[in-house]
Amino acid sequence: MQVTVKTFAHLRDRLGFAESAAEVPEDACVLDVWQSITDGSEMPRSVLAAVNLDYAAADTRVHDGDEVAFFPPVTGG
């Protein structure tokens, strides 16, 4: 199945894209998406994720056509 992946801030710079499509297995979760875009790297605890604009845990299941976003913690000031 295919999901849209968005990255923000330094993750966009590190991974080299702001938006991309990713092919993942039917039973994929957020962590699987992360690993598919990072060649199998562990997802750092500091990375936040969202599925279809809702915060999501690493074990949140994704579905065909979902949008998965990865971003660093956001602080205000």
PDB file of N, CA and C in Angstrom:
ATOM      1  N   MET A   1       0.842  -1.173   0.000  1.00  0.00           N
ATOM      2  CA  MET A   1       0.000   0.000   0.000  1.00  0.00           C
ATOM      3  C   MET A   1       0.884   1.231   0.000  1.00  0.00           C
ATOM      4  N   GLN A   2       0.302   2.342  -0.334  1.00  0.00           N
ATOM      5  CA  GLN A   2       1.076   3.571  -0.451  1.00  0.00           C
ATOM      6  C   GLN A   2       0.564   4.611   0.535  1.00  0.00           C
ATOM      7  N   VAL A   3       1.510   5.290   1.202  1.00  0.00           N
ATOM      8  CA  VAL A   3       1.191   6.404   2.092  1.00  0.00           C
ATOM      9  C   VAL A   3       1.999   7.620   1.657  1.00  0.00           C
ATOM     10  N   THR A   4       1.505   8.788   1.992  1.00  0.00           N
ATOM     11  CA  THR A   4       2.242  10.021   1.762  1.00  0.00           C
ATOM     12  C   THR A   4       3.007  10.341   3.036  1.00  0.00           C
ATOM     13  N   VAL A   5       4.283  10.650   2.905  1.00  0.00           N
ATOM     14  CA  VAL A   5       5.121  10.958   4.054  1.00  0.00           C
ATOM     15  C   VAL A   5       5.567  12.408   3.959  1.00  0.00           C
ATOM     16  N   LYS A   6       5.395  13.140   5.062  1.00  0.00           N
ATOM     17  CA  LYS A   6       5.853  14.522   5.138  1.00  0.00           C
ATOM     18  C   LYS A   6       6.868  14.627   6.271  1.00  0.00           C
ATOM     19  N   THR A   7       7.900  15.447   6.049  1.00  0.00           N
ATOM     20  CA  THR A   7       8.911  15.681   7.073  1.00  0.00           C
ATOM     21  C   THR A   7       9.076  17.176   7.267  1.00  0.00           C
ATOM     22  N   PHE A   8       9.466  17.566   8.471  1.00  0.00           N
ATOM     23  CA  PHE A   8       9.553  18.982   8.805  1.00  0.00           C
ATOM     24  C   PHE A   8      10.858  19.299   9.518  1.00  0.00           C
ATOM     25  N   ALA A   9      11.245  20.565   9.448  1.00  0.00           N
ATOM     26  CA  ALA A   9      12.413  21.121  10.148  1.00  0.00           C
ATOM     27  C   ALA A   9      13.677  20.333   9.812  1.00  0.00           C
ATOM     28  N   HIS A  10      14.477  20.011  10.818  1.00  0.00           N
ATOM     29  CA  HIS A  10      15.761  19.351  10.544  1.00  0.00           C
ATOM     30  C   HIS A  10      15.576  17.938   9.985  1.00  0.00           C
ATOM     31  N   LEU A  11      14.422  17.315  10.205  1.00  0.00           N
ATOM     32  CA  LEU A  11      14.193  15.995   9.601  1.00  0.00           C
ATOM     33  C   LEU A  11      14.091  16.109   8.085  1.00  0.00           C
ATOM     34  N   ARG A  12      13.474  17.180   7.622  1.00  0.00           N
ATOM     35  CA  ARG A  12      13.383  17.423   6.175  1.00  0.00           C
ATOM     36  C   ARG A  12      14.783  17.574   5.597  1.00  0.00           C
ATOM     37  N   ASP A  13      15.637  18.313   6.293  1.00  0.00           N
ATOM     38  CA  ASP A  13      17.013  18.497   5.812  1.00  0.00           C
ATOM     39  C   ASP A  13      17.785  17.182   5.856  1.00  0.00           C
ATOM     40  N   ARG A  14      17.639  16.441   6.935  1.00  0.00           N
ATOM     41  CA  ARG A  14      18.368  15.182   7.100  1.00  0.00           C
ATOM     42  C   ARG A  14      17.942  14.127   6.081  1.00  0.00           C
ATOM     43  N   LEU A  15      16.637  14.015   5.863  1.00  0.00           N
ATOM     44  CA  LEU A  15      16.131  12.974   4.970  1.00  0.00           C
ATOM     45  C   LEU A  15      16.089  13.421   3.510  1.00  0.00           C
ATOM     46  N   GLY A  16      16.140  14.728   3.273  1.00  0.00           N
ATOM     47  CA  GLY A  16      16.236  15.232   1.910  1.00  0.00           C
ATOM     48  C   GLY A  16      14.932  15.398   1.163  1.00  0.00           C
ATOM     49  N   PHE A  17      13.819  15.401   1.880  1.00  0.00           N
ATOM     50  CA  PHE A  17      12.542  15.649   1.204  1.00  0.00           C
ATOM     51  C   PHE A  17      11.520  16.224   2.188  1.00  0.00           C
ATOM     52  N   ALA A  18      10.583  16.980   1.644  1.00  0.00           N
ATOM     53  CA  ALA A  18       9.482  17.522   2.437  1.00  0.00           C
ATOM     54  C   ALA A  18       8.248  16.635   2.311  1.00  0.00           C
ATOM     55  N   GLU A  19       8.075  16.035   1.136  1.00  0.00           N
ATOM     56  CA  GLU A  19       6.933  15.149   0.901  1.00  0.00           C
ATOM     57  C   GLU A  19       7.333  14.083  -0.095  1.00  0.00           C
ATOM     58  N   SER A  20       6.911  12.862   0.180  1.00  0.00           N
ATOM     59  CA  SER A  20       7.237  11.741  -0.686  1.00  0.00           C
ATOM     60  C   SER A  20       6.190  10.647  -0.503  1.00  0.00           C
ATOM     61  N   ALA A  21       6.139   9.738  -1.444  1.00  0.00           N
ATOM     62  CA  ALA A  21       5.282   8.564  -1.324  1.00  0.00           C
ATOM     63  C   ALA A  21       6.138   7.396  -0.847  1.00  0.00           C
ATOM     64  N   ALA A  22       5.561   6.538  -0.019  1.00  0.00           N
ATOM     65  CA  ALA A  22       6.270   5.360   0.468  1.00  0.00           C
ATOM     66  C   ALA A  22       5.388   4.132   0.314  1.00  0.00           C
ATOM     67  N   GLU A  23       5.988   3.063  -0.137  1.00  0.00           N
ATOM     68  CA  GLU A  23       5.310   1.767  -0.216  1.00  0.00           C
ATOM     69  C   GLU A  23       5.608   1.002   1.064  1.00  0.00           C
ATOM     70  N   VAL A  24       4.557   0.567   1.760  1.00  0.00           N
ATOM     71  CA  VAL A  24       4.717  -0.195   2.997  1.00  0.00           C
ATOM     72  C   VAL A  24       3.774  -1.390   2.962  1.00  0.00           C
ATOM     73  N   PRO A  25       4.049  -2.418   3.769  1.00  0.00           N
ATOM     74  CA  PRO A  25       3.166  -3.598   3.800  1.00  0.00           C
ATOM     75  C   PRO A  25       1.760  -3.245   4.293  1.00  0.00           C
ATOM     76  N   GLU A  26       0.810  -4.102   3.998  1.00  0.00           N
ATOM     77  CA  GLU A  26      -0.588  -3.877   4.393  1.00  0.00           C
ATOM     78  C   GLU A  26      -0.774  -3.722   5.896  1.00  0.00           C
ATOM     79  N   ASP A  27       0.044  -4.389   6.701  1.00  0.00           N
ATOM     80  CA  ASP A  27      -0.109  -4.330   8.162  1.00  0.00           C
ATOM     81  C   ASP A  27       0.860  -3.340   8.795  1.00  0.00           C
ATOM     82  N   ALA A  28       1.276  -2.324   8.056  1.00  0.00           N
ATOM     83  CA  ALA A  28       2.302  -1.383   8.518  1.00  0.00           C
ATOM     84  C   ALA A  28       1.792  -0.460   9.620  1.00  0.00           C
ATOM     85  N   CYS A  29       2.757  -0.013  10.432  1.00  0.00           N
ATOM     86  CA  CYS A  29       2.482   0.983  11.451  1.00  0.00           C
ATOM     87  C   CYS A  29       3.432   2.165  11.219  1.00  0.00           C
ATOM     88  N   VAL A  30       3.307   3.197  12.025  1.00  0.00           N
ATOM     89  CA  VAL A  30       4.121   4.396  11.883  1.00  0.00           C
ATOM     90  C   VAL A  30       5.613   4.044  11.887  1.00  0.00           C
ATOM     91  N   LEU A  31       6.018   3.158  12.784  1.00  0.00           N
ATOM     92  CA  LEU A  31       7.429   2.764  12.845  1.00  0.00           C
ATOM     93  C   LEU A  31       7.887   2.144  11.526  1.00  0.00           C
ATOM     94  N   ASP A  32       7.052   1.340  10.898  1.00  0.00           N
ATOM     95  CA  ASP A  32       7.399   0.746   9.602  1.00  0.00           C
ATOM     96  C   ASP A  32       7.604   1.823   8.544  1.00  0.00           C
ATOM     97  N   VAL A  33       6.774   2.851   8.581  1.00  0.00           N
ATOM     98  CA  VAL A  33       6.920   3.954   7.628  1.00  0.00           C
ATOM     99  C   VAL A  33       8.259   4.651   7.873  1.00  0.00           C
ATOM    100  N   TRP A  34       8.562   4.952   9.149  1.00  0.00           N
ATOM    101  CA  TRP A  34       9.842   5.576   9.487  1.00  0.00           C
ATOM    102  C   TRP A  34      11.000   4.734   8.956  1.00  0.00           C
ATOM    103  N   GLN A  35      10.948   3.448   9.214  1.00  0.00           N
ATOM    104  CA  GLN A  35      12.044   2.582   8.785  1.00  0.00           C
ATOM    105  C   GLN A  35      12.146   2.501   7.267  1.00  0.00           C
ATOM    106  N   SER A  36      11.026   2.608   6.581  1.00  0.00           N
ATOM    107  CA  SER A  36      11.073   2.561   5.111  1.00  0.00           C
ATOM    108  C   SER A  36      11.735   3.801   4.513  1.00  0.00           C
ATOM    109  N   ILE A  37      11.638   4.946   5.200  1.00  0.00           N
ATOM    110  CA  ILE A  37      12.236   6.174   4.667  1.00  0.00           C
ATOM    111  C   ILE A  37      13.644   6.409   5.190  1.00  0.00           C
ATOM    112  N   THR A  38      14.083   5.603   6.162  1.00  0.00           N
ATOM    113  CA  THR A  38      15.415   5.795   6.750  1.00  0.00           C
ATOM    114  C   THR A  38      16.286   4.555   6.597  1.00  0.00           C
ATOM    115  N   ASP A  39      15.945   3.666   5.708  1.00  0.00           N
ATOM    116  CA  ASP A  39      16.724   2.437   5.495  1.00  0.00           C
ATOM    117  C   ASP A  39      16.872   1.613   6.768  1.00  0.00           C
ATOM    118  N   GLY A  40      15.800   1.540   7.557  1.00  0.00           N
ATOM    119  CA  GLY A  40      15.771   0.665   8.715  1.00  0.00           C
ATOM    120  C   GLY A  40      16.215   1.254  10.029  1.00  0.00           C
ATOM    121  N   SER A  41      16.448   2.553  10.086  1.00  0.00           N
ATOM    122  CA  SER A  41      16.894   3.187  11.333  1.00  0.00           C
ATOM    123  C   SER A  41      15.811   3.138  12.406  1.00  0.00           C
ATOM    124  N   GLU A  42      16.256   3.071  13.657  1.00  0.00           N
ATOM    125  CA  GLU A  42      15.321   3.190  14.772  1.00  0.00           C
ATOM    126  C   GLU A  42      14.758   4.607  14.800  1.00  0.00           C
ATOM    127  N   MET A  43      13.515   4.739  15.200  1.00  0.00           N
ATOM    128  CA  MET A  43      12.895   6.052  15.293  1.00  0.00           C
ATOM    129  C   MET A  43      13.282   6.677  16.637  1.00  0.00           C
ATOM    130  N   PRO A  44      13.979   7.815  16.621  1.00  0.00           N
ATOM    131  CA  PRO A  44      14.363   8.461  17.879  1.00  0.00           C
ATOM    132  C   PRO A  44      13.137   8.833  18.713  1.00  0.00           C
ATOM    133  N   ARG A  45      13.286   8.747  20.011  1.00  0.00           N
ATOM    134  CA  ARG A  45      12.172   9.098  20.911  1.00  0.00           C
ATOM    135  C   ARG A  45      11.736  10.535  20.738  1.00  0.00           C
ATOM    136  N   SER A  46      12.647  11.388  20.323  1.00  0.00           N
ATOM    137  CA  SER A  46      12.327  12.806  20.187  1.00  0.00           C
ATOM    138  C   SER A  46      11.500  13.122  18.943  1.00  0.00           C
ATOM    139  N   VAL A  47      11.394  12.177  18.022  1.00  0.00           N
ATOM    140  CA  VAL A  47      10.628  12.412  16.798  1.00  0.00           C
ATOM    141  C   VAL A  47       9.140  12.203  17.084  1.00  0.00           C
ATOM    142  N   LEU A  48       8.340  13.178  16.702  1.00  0.00           N
ATOM    143  CA  LEU A  48       6.893  13.075  16.836  1.00  0.00           C
ATOM    144  C   LEU A  48       6.315  12.637  15.500  1.00  0.00           C
ATOM    145  N   ALA A  49       5.178  11.962  15.561  1.00  0.00           N
ATOM    146  CA  ALA A  49       4.521  11.496  14.344  1.00  0.00           C
ATOM    147  C   ALA A  49       3.037  11.846  14.387  1.00  0.00           C
ATOM    148  N   ALA A  50       2.474  11.991  13.205  1.00  0.00           N
ATOM    149  CA  ALA A  50       1.038  12.213  13.087  1.00  0.00           C
ATOM    150  C   ALA A  50       0.535  11.415  11.890  1.00  0.00           C
ATOM    151  N   VAL A  51      -0.659  10.889  12.020  1.00  0.00           N
ATOM    152  CA  VAL A  51      -1.328  10.207  10.916  1.00  0.00           C
ATOM    153  C   VAL A  51      -2.607  10.980  10.635  1.00  0.00           C
ATOM    154  N   ASN A  52      -2.713  11.465   9.426  1.00  0.00           N
ATOM    155  CA  ASN A  52      -3.880  12.253   9.016  1.00  0.00           C
ATOM    156  C   ASN A  52      -4.166  13.393   9.996  1.00  0.00           C
ATOM    157  N   LEU A  53      -3.100  14.100  10.383  1.00  0.00           N
ATOM    158  CA  LEU A  53      -3.133  15.299  11.229  1.00  0.00           C
ATOM    159  C   LEU A  53      -3.398  15.036  12.707  1.00  0.00           C
ATOM    160  N   ASP A  54      -3.453  13.779  13.144  1.00  0.00           N
ATOM    161  CA  ASP A  54      -3.613  13.445  14.557  1.00  0.00           C
ATOM    162  C   ASP A  54      -2.320  12.827  15.072  1.00  0.00           C
ATOM    163  N   TYR A  55      -1.849  13.295  16.245  1.00  0.00           N
ATOM    164  CA  TYR A  55      -0.655  12.691  16.827  1.00  0.00           C
ATOM    165  C   TYR A  55      -0.825  11.182  16.886  1.00  0.00           C
ATOM    166  N   ALA A  56       0.287  10.467  16.661  1.00  0.00           N
ATOM    167  CA  ALA A  56       0.225   9.012  16.607  1.00  0.00           C
ATOM    168  C   ALA A  56       1.461   8.408  17.258  1.00  0.00           C
ATOM    169  N   ALA A  57       1.278   7.254  17.891  1.00  0.00           N
ATOM    170  CA  ALA A  57       2.383   6.495  18.475  1.00  0.00           C
ATOM    171  C   ALA A  57       3.051   5.674  17.383  1.00  0.00           C
ATOM    172  N   ALA A  58       4.239   5.180  17.676  1.00  0.00           N
ATOM    173  CA  ALA A  58       4.999   4.389  16.707  1.00  0.00           C
ATOM    174  C   ALA A  58       4.241   3.137  16.278  1.00  0.00           C
ATOM    175  N   ASP A  59       3.380   2.598  17.145  1.00  0.00           N
ATOM    176  CA  ASP A  59       2.658   1.365  16.815  1.00  0.00           C
ATOM    177  C   ASP A  59       1.279   1.612  16.195  1.00  0.00           C
ATOM    178  N   THR A  60       0.965   2.865  15.890  1.00  0.00           N
ATOM    179  CA  THR A  60      -0.309   3.187  15.239  1.00  0.00           C
ATOM    180  C   THR A  60      -0.323   2.624  13.823  1.00  0.00           C
ATOM    181  N   ARG A  61      -1.351   1.884  13.487  1.00  0.00           N
ATOM    182  CA  ARG A  61      -1.485   1.303  12.150  1.00  0.00           C
ATOM    183  C   ARG A  61      -1.795   2.396  11.131  1.00  0.00           C
ATOM    184  N   VAL A  62      -1.265   2.219   9.933  1.00  0.00           N
ATOM    185  CA  VAL A  62      -1.559   3.129   8.833  1.00  0.00           C
ATOM    186  C   VAL A  62      -2.315   2.362   7.756  1.00  0.00           C
ATOM    187  N   HIS A  63      -3.017   3.109   6.942  1.00  0.00           N
ATOM    188  CA  HIS A  63      -3.841   2.515   5.886  1.00  0.00           C
ATOM    189  C   HIS A  63      -3.494   3.151   4.545  1.00  0.00           C
ATOM    190  N   ASP A  64      -3.849   2.471   3.491  1.00  0.00           N
ATOM    191  CA  ASP A  64      -3.580   2.964   2.149  1.00  0.00           C
ATOM    192  C   ASP A  64      -4.124   4.377   1.999  1.00  0.00           C
ATOM    193  N   GLY A  65      -3.285   5.281   1.505  1.00  0.00           N
ATOM    194  CA  GLY A  65      -3.687   6.659   1.267  1.00  0.00           C
ATOM    195  C   GLY A  65      -3.499   7.595   2.445  1.00  0.00           C
ATOM    196  N   ASP A  66      -3.096   7.070   3.607  1.00  0.00           N
ATOM    197  CA  ASP A  66      -2.882   7.924   4.771  1.00  0.00           C
ATOM    198  C   ASP A  66      -1.724   8.881   4.546  1.00  0.00           C
ATOM    199  N   GLU A  67      -1.747   9.977   5.301  1.00  0.00           N
ATOM    200  CA  GLU A  67      -0.634  10.915   5.346  1.00  0.00           C
ATOM    201  C   GLU A  67       0.059  10.732   6.692  1.00  0.00           C
ATOM    202  N   VAL A  68       1.355  10.449   6.652  1.00  0.00           N
ATOM    203  CA  VAL A  68       2.149  10.255   7.862  1.00  0.00           C
ATOM    204  C   VAL A  68       3.194  11.355   7.905  1.00  0.00           C
ATOM    205  N   ALA A  69       3.210  12.105   9.005  1.00  0.00           N
ATOM    206  CA  ALA A  69       4.142  13.218   9.143  1.00  0.00           C
ATOM    207  C   ALA A  69       5.095  12.948  10.297  1.00  0.00           C
ATOM    208  N   PHE A  70       6.353  13.336  10.110  1.00  0.00           N
ATOM    209  CA  PHE A  70       7.376  13.219  11.139  1.00  0.00           C
ATOM    210  C   PHE A  70       7.970  14.594  11.391  1.00  0.00           C
ATOM    211  N   PHE A  71       8.102  14.955  12.672  1.00  0.00           N
ATOM    212  CA  PHE A  71       8.644  16.264  12.994  1.00  0.00           C
ATOM    213  C   PHE A  71       9.281  16.240  14.378  1.00  0.00           C
ATOM    214  N   PRO A  72      10.217  17.169  14.598  1.00  0.00           N
ATOM    215  CA  PRO A  72      10.848  17.256  15.916  1.00  0.00           C
ATOM    216  C   PRO A  72       9.870  17.906  16.904  1.00  0.00           C
ATOM    217  N   PRO A  73      10.162  17.776  18.194  1.00  0.00           N
ATOM    218  CA  PRO A  73       9.296  18.442  19.175  1.00  0.00           C
ATOM    219  C   PRO A  73       9.195  19.924  18.883  1.00  0.00           C
ATOM    220  N   VAL A  74       8.039  20.484  19.147  1.00  0.00           N
ATOM    221  CA  VAL A  74       7.790  21.890  18.875  1.00  0.00           C
ATOM    222  C   VAL A  74       7.796  22.628  20.215  1.00  0.00           C
ATOM    223  N   THR A  75       8.527  23.721  20.251  1.00  0.00           N
ATOM    224  CA  THR A  75       8.550  24.544  21.455  1.00  0.00           C
ATOM    225  C   THR A  75       8.143  25.964  21.098  1.00  0.00           C
ATOM    226  N   GLY A  76       7.615  26.636  22.034  1.00  0.00           N
ATOM    227  CA  GLY A  76       7.227  28.016  21.813  1.00  0.00           C
ATOM    228  C   GLY A  76       8.108  28.956  22.621  1.00  0.00           C
ATOM    229  N   GLY A  77       7.913  30.201  22.398  1.00  0.00           N
ATOM    230  CA  GLY A  77       8.714  31.099  23.210  1.00  0.00           C
ATOM    231  C   GLY A  77       8.690  32.504  22.791  1.00  0.00           C
TER     232      GLY A  77
END
